């Protein structure tokens, strides 16, 4: 899709957020039904996106887990803010969706108590229970 110079990422973020959440809802529903292959359009949720890693910012901002969905023009990601609780647990206190396209970017919080927040928390908690949140956090701090 060509970028319209008059349209900012802040103008476009809602549509991208809703598209990603539609994908995630379908994948989580398939996983709950035991469908390991996931929806035909996306595949299973554990194969969705490009990476999941812990990011330590270079400035004084707080670190976060980044679920990178796409890169380039545009780029989309979910950021999960919280703390590890042992090797197999984590507590979230904030989720943010980020949308970036050619020298512009926007973010919006996903309320933890919303339906979307519950779905994203369930996804993240699954990763935490498998030790993925802890291992990516530890790996980032080794460097």
N, C-alpha and C. Protein backbone atom coordinates (compact mmCIF):
# COMPACT_ATOMS: atom_id res chain seq x y z
N UNK A 1 0.85 -1.18 0.00
CA UNK A 1 0.00 0.00 0.00
C UNK A 1 0.89 1.24 0.00
N UNK A 2 0.63 2.14 -0.89
CA UNK A 2 1.40 3.37 -0.97
C UNK A 2 1.07 4.26 0.22
N UNK A 3 2.09 4.93 0.71
CA UNK A 3 1.90 5.82 1.84
C UNK A 3 1.38 7.16 1.35
N UNK A 4 0.31 7.62 1.91
CA UNK A 4 -0.26 8.93 1.60
C UNK A 4 0.41 9.92 2.54
N UNK A 5 1.14 10.90 1.97
CA UNK A 5 1.90 11.83 2.80
C UNK A 5 1.02 12.63 3.75
N UNK A 6 -0.25 12.81 3.41
CA UNK A 6 -1.13 13.58 4.27
C UNK A 6 -1.70 12.74 5.41
N UNK A 7 -1.53 11.44 5.34
CA UNK A 7 -2.07 10.55 6.37
C UNK A 7 -0.94 10.10 7.29
N UNK A 8 -1.09 10.35 8.58
CA UNK A 8 -0.06 9.99 9.54
C UNK A 8 -0.32 8.59 10.11
N UNK A 9 0.66 8.06 10.79
CA UNK A 9 0.48 6.77 11.47
C UNK A 9 -0.61 6.87 12.53
N UNK A 10 -0.70 8.01 13.19
CA UNK A 10 -1.76 8.21 14.19
C UNK A 10 -3.14 8.11 13.54
N UNK A 11 -3.25 8.56 12.28
CA UNK A 11 -4.52 8.45 11.55
C UNK A 11 -4.83 7.01 11.17
N UNK A 12 -3.81 6.19 10.97
CA UNK A 12 -3.97 4.84 10.43
C UNK A 12 -3.88 3.73 11.47
N UNK A 13 -3.46 4.05 12.69
CA UNK A 13 -3.17 3.01 13.68
C UNK A 13 -4.39 2.16 14.04
N UNK A 14 -5.55 2.75 14.17
CA UNK A 14 -6.74 1.99 14.57
C UNK A 14 -7.04 0.85 13.60
N UNK A 15 -7.00 1.12 12.30
CA UNK A 15 -7.29 0.08 11.31
C UNK A 15 -6.28 -1.06 11.40
N UNK A 16 -5.00 -0.73 11.57
CA UNK A 16 -3.98 -1.76 11.67
C UNK A 16 -4.12 -2.56 12.97
N UNK A 17 -4.41 -1.88 14.04
CA UNK A 17 -4.62 -2.55 15.32
C UNK A 17 -5.77 -3.55 15.22
N UNK A 18 -6.88 -3.13 14.66
CA UNK A 18 -8.06 -4.00 14.56
C UNK A 18 -7.79 -5.19 13.63
N UNK A 19 -7.04 -4.98 12.55
CA UNK A 19 -6.68 -6.09 11.68
C UNK A 19 -5.83 -7.12 12.42
N UNK A 20 -4.84 -6.65 13.19
CA UNK A 20 -3.99 -7.59 13.93
C UNK A 20 -4.80 -8.33 14.99
N UNK A 21 -5.66 -7.60 15.70
CA UNK A 21 -6.46 -8.25 16.75
C UNK A 21 -7.43 -9.27 16.15
N UNK A 22 -7.97 -9.00 14.96
CA UNK A 22 -8.83 -9.99 14.30
C UNK A 22 -8.04 -11.27 14.04
N UNK A 23 -6.80 -11.13 13.54
CA UNK A 23 -5.93 -12.29 13.32
C UNK A 23 -5.69 -13.04 14.62
N UNK A 24 -5.34 -12.30 15.66
CA UNK A 24 -4.99 -12.91 16.95
C UNK A 24 -6.19 -13.62 17.55
N UNK A 25 -7.37 -13.02 17.48
CA UNK A 25 -8.58 -13.68 17.99
C UNK A 25 -8.81 -15.02 17.29
N UNK A 26 -8.71 -15.02 15.95
CA UNK A 26 -8.92 -16.27 15.19
C UNK A 26 -7.88 -17.32 15.57
N UNK A 27 -6.63 -16.91 15.73
CA UNK A 27 -5.57 -17.87 16.09
C UNK A 27 -5.76 -18.40 17.50
N UNK A 28 -6.13 -17.54 18.44
CA UNK A 28 -6.35 -17.99 19.82
C UNK A 28 -7.56 -18.92 19.89
N UNK A 29 -8.61 -18.61 19.13
CA UNK A 29 -9.78 -19.49 19.09
C UNK A 29 -9.38 -20.86 18.55
N UNK A 30 -8.59 -20.90 17.50
CA UNK A 30 -8.13 -22.17 16.92
C UNK A 30 -7.30 -22.94 17.94
N UNK A 31 -6.42 -22.25 18.65
CA UNK A 31 -5.58 -22.91 19.65
C UNK A 31 -6.44 -23.50 20.78
N UNK A 32 -7.43 -22.76 21.22
CA UNK A 32 -8.32 -23.25 22.29
C UNK A 32 -9.09 -24.50 21.85
N UNK A 33 -9.40 -24.58 20.54
CA UNK A 33 -10.10 -25.75 20.01
C UNK A 33 -9.15 -26.92 19.76
N UNK A 34 -7.86 -26.70 19.94
CA UNK A 34 -6.87 -27.75 19.72
C UNK A 34 -6.43 -27.86 18.27
N UNK A 35 -6.75 -26.85 17.46
CA UNK A 35 -6.35 -26.82 16.05
C UNK A 35 -4.91 -26.32 15.97
N UNK A 36 -3.97 -27.23 15.87
CA UNK A 36 -2.55 -26.86 15.90
C UNK A 36 -2.09 -26.16 14.63
N UNK A 37 -2.83 -26.28 13.53
CA UNK A 37 -2.43 -25.63 12.28
C UNK A 37 -2.92 -24.18 12.20
N UNK A 38 -3.89 -23.82 13.03
CA UNK A 38 -4.41 -22.46 13.05
C UNK A 38 -5.23 -22.13 11.83
N UNK A 39 -5.71 -20.90 11.74
CA UNK A 39 -6.49 -20.48 10.58
C UNK A 39 -5.66 -20.54 9.30
N UNK A 40 -6.32 -20.80 8.19
CA UNK A 40 -5.61 -20.92 6.91
C UNK A 40 -4.85 -19.63 6.55
N UNK A 41 -5.44 -18.46 6.86
CA UNK A 41 -4.84 -17.18 6.48
C UNK A 41 -3.57 -16.85 7.27
N UNK A 42 -3.47 -17.35 8.50
CA UNK A 42 -2.36 -16.93 9.37
C UNK A 42 -1.48 -18.07 9.85
N UNK A 43 -2.03 -19.26 9.96
CA UNK A 43 -1.31 -20.35 10.61
C UNK A 43 -1.47 -20.24 12.11
N UNK A 44 -0.70 -21.03 12.87
CA UNK A 44 -0.84 -21.02 14.32
C UNK A 44 -0.22 -19.78 14.96
N UNK A 45 -0.70 -19.45 16.13
CA UNK A 45 -0.24 -18.21 16.79
C UNK A 45 1.25 -18.27 17.13
N UNK A 46 1.78 -19.46 17.43
CA UNK A 46 3.20 -19.53 17.78
C UNK A 46 4.12 -19.30 16.58
N UNK A 47 3.55 -19.23 15.37
CA UNK A 47 4.34 -18.92 14.18
C UNK A 47 4.01 -17.53 13.61
N UNK A 48 3.12 -16.80 14.28
CA UNK A 48 2.68 -15.49 13.79
C UNK A 48 3.71 -14.44 14.16
N UNK A 49 3.97 -13.55 13.26
CA UNK A 49 4.92 -12.49 13.52
C UNK A 49 6.34 -12.92 13.20
N UNK A 50 7.26 -12.02 13.48
CA UNK A 50 8.66 -12.23 13.10
C UNK A 50 9.55 -12.59 14.28
N UNK A 51 9.26 -12.05 15.44
CA UNK A 51 10.11 -12.34 16.60
C UNK A 51 9.40 -11.98 17.88
N UNK A 52 9.94 -12.52 18.97
CA UNK A 52 9.50 -12.16 20.31
C UNK A 52 10.77 -12.03 21.13
N UNK A 53 11.05 -10.84 21.60
CA UNK A 53 12.29 -10.62 22.35
C UNK A 53 12.10 -9.52 23.39
N UNK A 54 13.05 -9.46 24.31
CA UNK A 54 13.03 -8.41 25.33
C UNK A 54 13.94 -7.29 24.85
N UNK A 55 13.46 -6.06 24.93
CA UNK A 55 14.19 -4.88 24.47
C UNK A 55 14.60 -4.04 25.67
N UNK A 56 15.89 -3.76 25.75
CA UNK A 56 16.41 -2.84 26.77
C UNK A 56 16.70 -1.53 26.05
N UNK A 57 15.94 -0.47 26.32
CA UNK A 57 16.17 0.80 25.63
C UNK A 57 17.52 1.39 26.00
N UNK A 58 18.06 2.19 25.09
CA UNK A 58 19.35 2.84 25.33
C UNK A 58 19.22 4.04 26.26
N UNK A 59 18.01 4.56 26.41
CA UNK A 59 17.83 5.71 27.30
C UNK A 59 17.22 5.23 28.62
N UNK A 60 16.59 6.10 29.34
CA UNK A 60 16.07 5.74 30.66
C UNK A 60 14.68 5.14 30.63
N UNK A 61 14.11 4.99 29.42
CA UNK A 61 12.78 4.37 29.35
C UNK A 61 12.86 2.92 29.82
N UNK A 62 11.74 2.39 30.11
CA UNK A 62 11.58 1.05 30.65
C UNK A 62 11.68 -0.02 29.55
N UNK A 63 12.25 -1.16 29.88
CA UNK A 63 12.33 -2.27 28.94
C UNK A 63 10.97 -2.92 28.73
N UNK A 64 10.87 -3.73 27.68
CA UNK A 64 9.61 -4.39 27.35
C UNK A 64 9.88 -5.61 26.47
N UNK A 65 8.90 -6.51 26.46
CA UNK A 65 8.92 -7.62 25.52
C UNK A 65 8.27 -7.12 24.25
N UNK A 66 8.88 -7.38 23.10
CA UNK A 66 8.37 -6.93 21.82
C UNK A 66 7.97 -8.14 20.98
N UNK A 67 6.69 -8.19 20.61
CA UNK A 67 6.20 -9.19 19.66
C UNK A 67 6.12 -8.46 18.33
N UNK A 68 7.15 -8.62 17.51
CA UNK A 68 7.25 -7.94 16.23
C UNK A 68 6.41 -8.70 15.20
N UNK A 69 5.39 -8.05 14.68
CA UNK A 69 4.47 -8.67 13.74
C UNK A 69 4.95 -8.48 12.30
N UNK A 70 5.37 -7.27 11.95
CA UNK A 70 5.84 -6.99 10.59
C UNK A 70 6.86 -5.86 10.63
N UNK A 71 7.67 -5.79 9.56
CA UNK A 71 8.65 -4.71 9.44
C UNK A 71 8.52 -4.07 8.08
N UNK A 72 9.31 -3.03 7.88
CA UNK A 72 9.29 -2.36 6.59
C UNK A 72 8.27 -1.24 6.61
N UNK A 73 7.60 -1.08 5.54
CA UNK A 73 6.56 -0.08 5.47
C UNK A 73 5.22 -0.78 5.29
N UNK A 74 4.43 -0.91 6.30
CA UNK A 74 4.59 -0.47 7.69
C UNK A 74 5.15 -1.57 8.60
N UNK A 75 5.46 -1.17 9.81
CA UNK A 75 5.89 -2.10 10.86
C UNK A 75 4.85 -2.07 11.97
N UNK A 76 4.59 -3.26 12.53
CA UNK A 76 3.61 -3.38 13.62
C UNK A 76 4.20 -4.24 14.72
N UNK A 77 3.91 -3.88 15.96
CA UNK A 77 4.38 -4.68 17.09
C UNK A 77 3.50 -4.44 18.31
N UNK A 78 3.51 -5.44 19.18
CA UNK A 78 2.90 -5.31 20.50
C UNK A 78 4.03 -5.26 21.50
N UNK A 79 3.93 -4.34 22.45
CA UNK A 79 4.91 -4.23 23.53
C UNK A 79 4.23 -4.61 24.84
N UNK A 80 4.87 -5.51 25.57
CA UNK A 80 4.37 -5.99 26.85
C UNK A 80 5.30 -5.50 27.94
N UNK A 81 4.78 -4.71 28.87
CA UNK A 81 5.55 -4.15 29.97
C UNK A 81 5.19 -4.89 31.25
N UNK A 82 6.19 -5.29 31.99
CA UNK A 82 5.94 -5.98 33.24
C UNK A 82 7.23 -6.53 33.81
N UNK A 83 7.09 -7.51 34.69
CA UNK A 83 8.23 -8.09 35.39
C UNK A 83 8.13 -9.61 35.37
N UNK A 84 9.27 -10.28 35.29
CA UNK A 84 9.31 -11.73 35.44
C UNK A 84 9.04 -12.10 36.89
N UNK A 85 8.34 -13.19 37.08
CA UNK A 85 8.11 -13.75 38.41
C UNK A 85 8.64 -15.17 38.34
N UNK A 86 9.91 -15.31 38.64
CA UNK A 86 10.55 -16.61 38.51
C UNK A 86 10.75 -16.95 37.03
N UNK A 87 11.11 -18.21 36.78
CA UNK A 87 11.38 -18.63 35.40
C UNK A 87 10.11 -18.88 34.60
N UNK A 88 9.00 -19.11 35.26
CA UNK A 88 7.79 -19.52 34.54
C UNK A 88 6.58 -18.64 34.85
N UNK A 89 6.83 -17.37 35.03
CA UNK A 89 5.73 -16.45 35.28
C UNK A 89 6.15 -15.02 35.03
N UNK A 90 5.18 -14.18 34.78
CA UNK A 90 5.42 -12.75 34.60
C UNK A 90 4.12 -12.01 34.92
N UNK A 91 4.28 -10.79 35.35
CA UNK A 91 3.14 -9.93 35.66
C UNK A 91 3.20 -8.74 34.71
N UNK A 92 2.12 -8.52 33.99
CA UNK A 92 2.04 -7.39 33.07
C UNK A 92 1.34 -6.22 33.74
N UNK A 93 1.80 -5.01 33.42
CA UNK A 93 1.07 -3.84 33.88
C UNK A 93 0.72 -2.90 32.73
N UNK A 94 1.16 -3.25 31.50
CA UNK A 94 0.83 -2.40 30.35
C UNK A 94 1.07 -3.18 29.07
N UNK A 95 0.18 -2.96 28.08
CA UNK A 95 0.36 -3.48 26.73
C UNK A 95 0.15 -2.31 25.77
N UNK A 96 1.03 -2.22 24.78
CA UNK A 96 0.93 -1.14 23.80
C UNK A 96 1.05 -1.72 22.39
N UNK A 97 0.25 -1.23 21.47
CA UNK A 97 0.40 -1.55 20.05
C UNK A 97 1.12 -0.40 19.39
N UNK A 98 2.15 -0.71 18.58
CA UNK A 98 2.92 0.32 17.89
C UNK A 98 2.78 0.11 16.38
N UNK A 99 2.67 1.21 15.66
CA UNK A 99 2.57 1.21 14.21
C UNK A 99 3.55 2.25 13.67
N UNK A 100 4.44 1.83 12.75
CA UNK A 100 5.47 2.72 12.20
C UNK A 100 5.48 2.59 10.68
N UNK A 101 5.65 3.72 10.00
CA UNK A 101 5.74 3.73 8.55
C UNK A 101 6.56 4.94 8.11
N UNK A 102 7.72 4.68 7.54
CA UNK A 102 8.58 5.70 6.95
C UNK A 102 8.65 7.01 7.71
N UNK A 103 9.48 7.03 8.72
CA UNK A 103 9.79 8.23 9.51
C UNK A 103 8.62 8.76 10.33
N UNK A 104 7.65 7.91 10.58
CA UNK A 104 6.51 8.30 11.39
C UNK A 104 6.13 7.09 12.24
N UNK A 105 5.53 7.33 13.37
CA UNK A 105 5.10 6.23 14.22
C UNK A 105 4.03 6.68 15.20
N UNK A 106 3.28 5.71 15.68
CA UNK A 106 2.24 5.99 16.66
C UNK A 106 2.07 4.77 17.55
N UNK A 107 1.56 5.00 18.74
CA UNK A 107 1.29 3.91 19.67
C UNK A 107 -0.03 4.13 20.37
N UNK A 108 -0.63 3.04 20.80
CA UNK A 108 -1.85 3.15 21.60
C UNK A 108 -1.86 2.02 22.61
N UNK A 109 -2.27 2.37 23.81
CA UNK A 109 -2.36 1.37 24.88
C UNK A 109 -3.55 0.46 24.64
N UNK A 110 -3.37 -0.79 25.06
CA UNK A 110 -4.45 -1.77 25.06
C UNK A 110 -4.83 -1.95 26.53
N UNK A 111 -6.00 -1.50 26.95
CA UNK A 111 -6.35 -1.63 28.37
C UNK A 111 -6.31 -3.10 28.81
N UNK A 112 -5.64 -3.36 29.92
CA UNK A 112 -5.49 -4.72 30.42
C UNK A 112 -6.84 -5.36 30.74
N UNK A 113 -7.83 -4.55 31.12
CA UNK A 113 -9.13 -5.09 31.51
C UNK A 113 -10.13 -5.16 30.34
N UNK A 114 -9.67 -4.87 29.12
CA UNK A 114 -10.53 -4.96 27.94
C UNK A 114 -10.52 -6.39 27.39
N UNK A 115 -11.43 -6.70 26.48
CA UNK A 115 -11.44 -8.02 25.84
C UNK A 115 -10.13 -8.27 25.09
N UNK A 116 -9.64 -7.26 24.37
CA UNK A 116 -8.36 -7.40 23.66
C UNK A 116 -7.21 -7.59 24.63
N UNK A 117 -7.23 -6.85 25.73
CA UNK A 117 -6.20 -7.00 26.75
C UNK A 117 -6.19 -8.41 27.31
N UNK A 118 -7.36 -8.99 27.53
CA UNK A 118 -7.45 -10.36 28.05
C UNK A 118 -6.85 -11.36 27.07
N UNK A 119 -7.12 -11.18 25.79
CA UNK A 119 -6.57 -12.08 24.76
C UNK A 119 -5.06 -11.97 24.71
N UNK A 120 -4.54 -10.74 24.71
CA UNK A 120 -3.09 -10.55 24.66
C UNK A 120 -2.41 -11.03 25.94
N UNK A 121 -3.06 -10.83 27.09
CA UNK A 121 -2.51 -11.35 28.35
C UNK A 121 -2.44 -12.87 28.30
N UNK A 122 -3.48 -13.52 27.79
CA UNK A 122 -3.50 -14.98 27.68
C UNK A 122 -2.34 -15.45 26.80
N UNK A 123 -2.12 -14.79 25.66
CA UNK A 123 -0.99 -15.13 24.79
C UNK A 123 0.33 -14.98 25.54
N UNK A 124 0.52 -13.82 26.19
CA UNK A 124 1.76 -13.55 26.89
C UNK A 124 1.96 -14.52 28.06
N UNK A 125 0.92 -14.77 28.81
CA UNK A 125 1.03 -15.69 29.95
C UNK A 125 1.40 -17.09 29.50
N UNK A 126 0.92 -17.50 28.33
CA UNK A 126 1.33 -18.78 27.77
C UNK A 126 2.83 -18.82 27.51
N UNK A 127 3.38 -17.73 27.00
CA UNK A 127 4.82 -17.66 26.79
C UNK A 127 5.58 -17.65 28.11
N UNK A 128 5.03 -16.94 29.09
CA UNK A 128 5.68 -16.88 30.40
C UNK A 128 5.69 -18.26 31.06
N UNK A 129 4.57 -18.98 30.97
CA UNK A 129 4.47 -20.31 31.58
C UNK A 129 5.42 -21.32 30.95
N UNK A 130 5.82 -21.08 29.71
CA UNK A 130 6.78 -21.95 29.01
C UNK A 130 8.22 -21.51 29.24
N UNK A 131 8.42 -20.40 29.94
CA UNK A 131 9.77 -19.91 30.19
C UNK A 131 10.31 -18.97 29.13
N UNK A 132 9.51 -18.65 28.12
CA UNK A 132 9.98 -17.80 27.03
C UNK A 132 10.20 -16.36 27.51
N UNK A 133 9.30 -15.82 28.30
CA UNK A 133 9.47 -14.45 28.78
C UNK A 133 10.76 -14.33 29.60
N UNK A 134 10.98 -15.30 30.48
CA UNK A 134 12.18 -15.27 31.32
C UNK A 134 13.44 -15.41 30.47
N UNK A 135 13.44 -16.37 29.54
CA UNK A 135 14.66 -16.62 28.76
C UNK A 135 15.00 -15.44 27.85
N UNK A 136 13.99 -14.79 27.24
CA UNK A 136 14.29 -13.64 26.40
C UNK A 136 14.77 -12.45 27.25
N UNK A 137 14.20 -12.32 28.45
CA UNK A 137 14.62 -11.27 29.38
C UNK A 137 16.09 -11.50 29.78
N UNK A 138 16.41 -12.73 30.15
CA UNK A 138 17.76 -13.06 30.57
C UNK A 138 18.76 -12.88 29.43
N UNK A 139 18.38 -13.31 28.23
CA UNK A 139 19.26 -13.18 27.08
C UNK A 139 19.59 -11.72 26.78
N UNK A 140 18.59 -10.84 26.87
CA UNK A 140 18.80 -9.42 26.61
C UNK A 140 19.77 -8.82 27.62
N UNK A 141 19.71 -9.28 28.87
CA UNK A 141 20.57 -8.73 29.90
C UNK A 141 21.98 -9.33 29.90
N UNK A 142 22.20 -10.41 29.14
CA UNK A 142 23.54 -10.99 29.00
C UNK A 142 24.42 -10.16 28.10
N UNK A 143 23.82 -9.53 27.11
CA UNK A 143 24.59 -8.81 26.08
C UNK A 143 25.29 -7.60 26.62
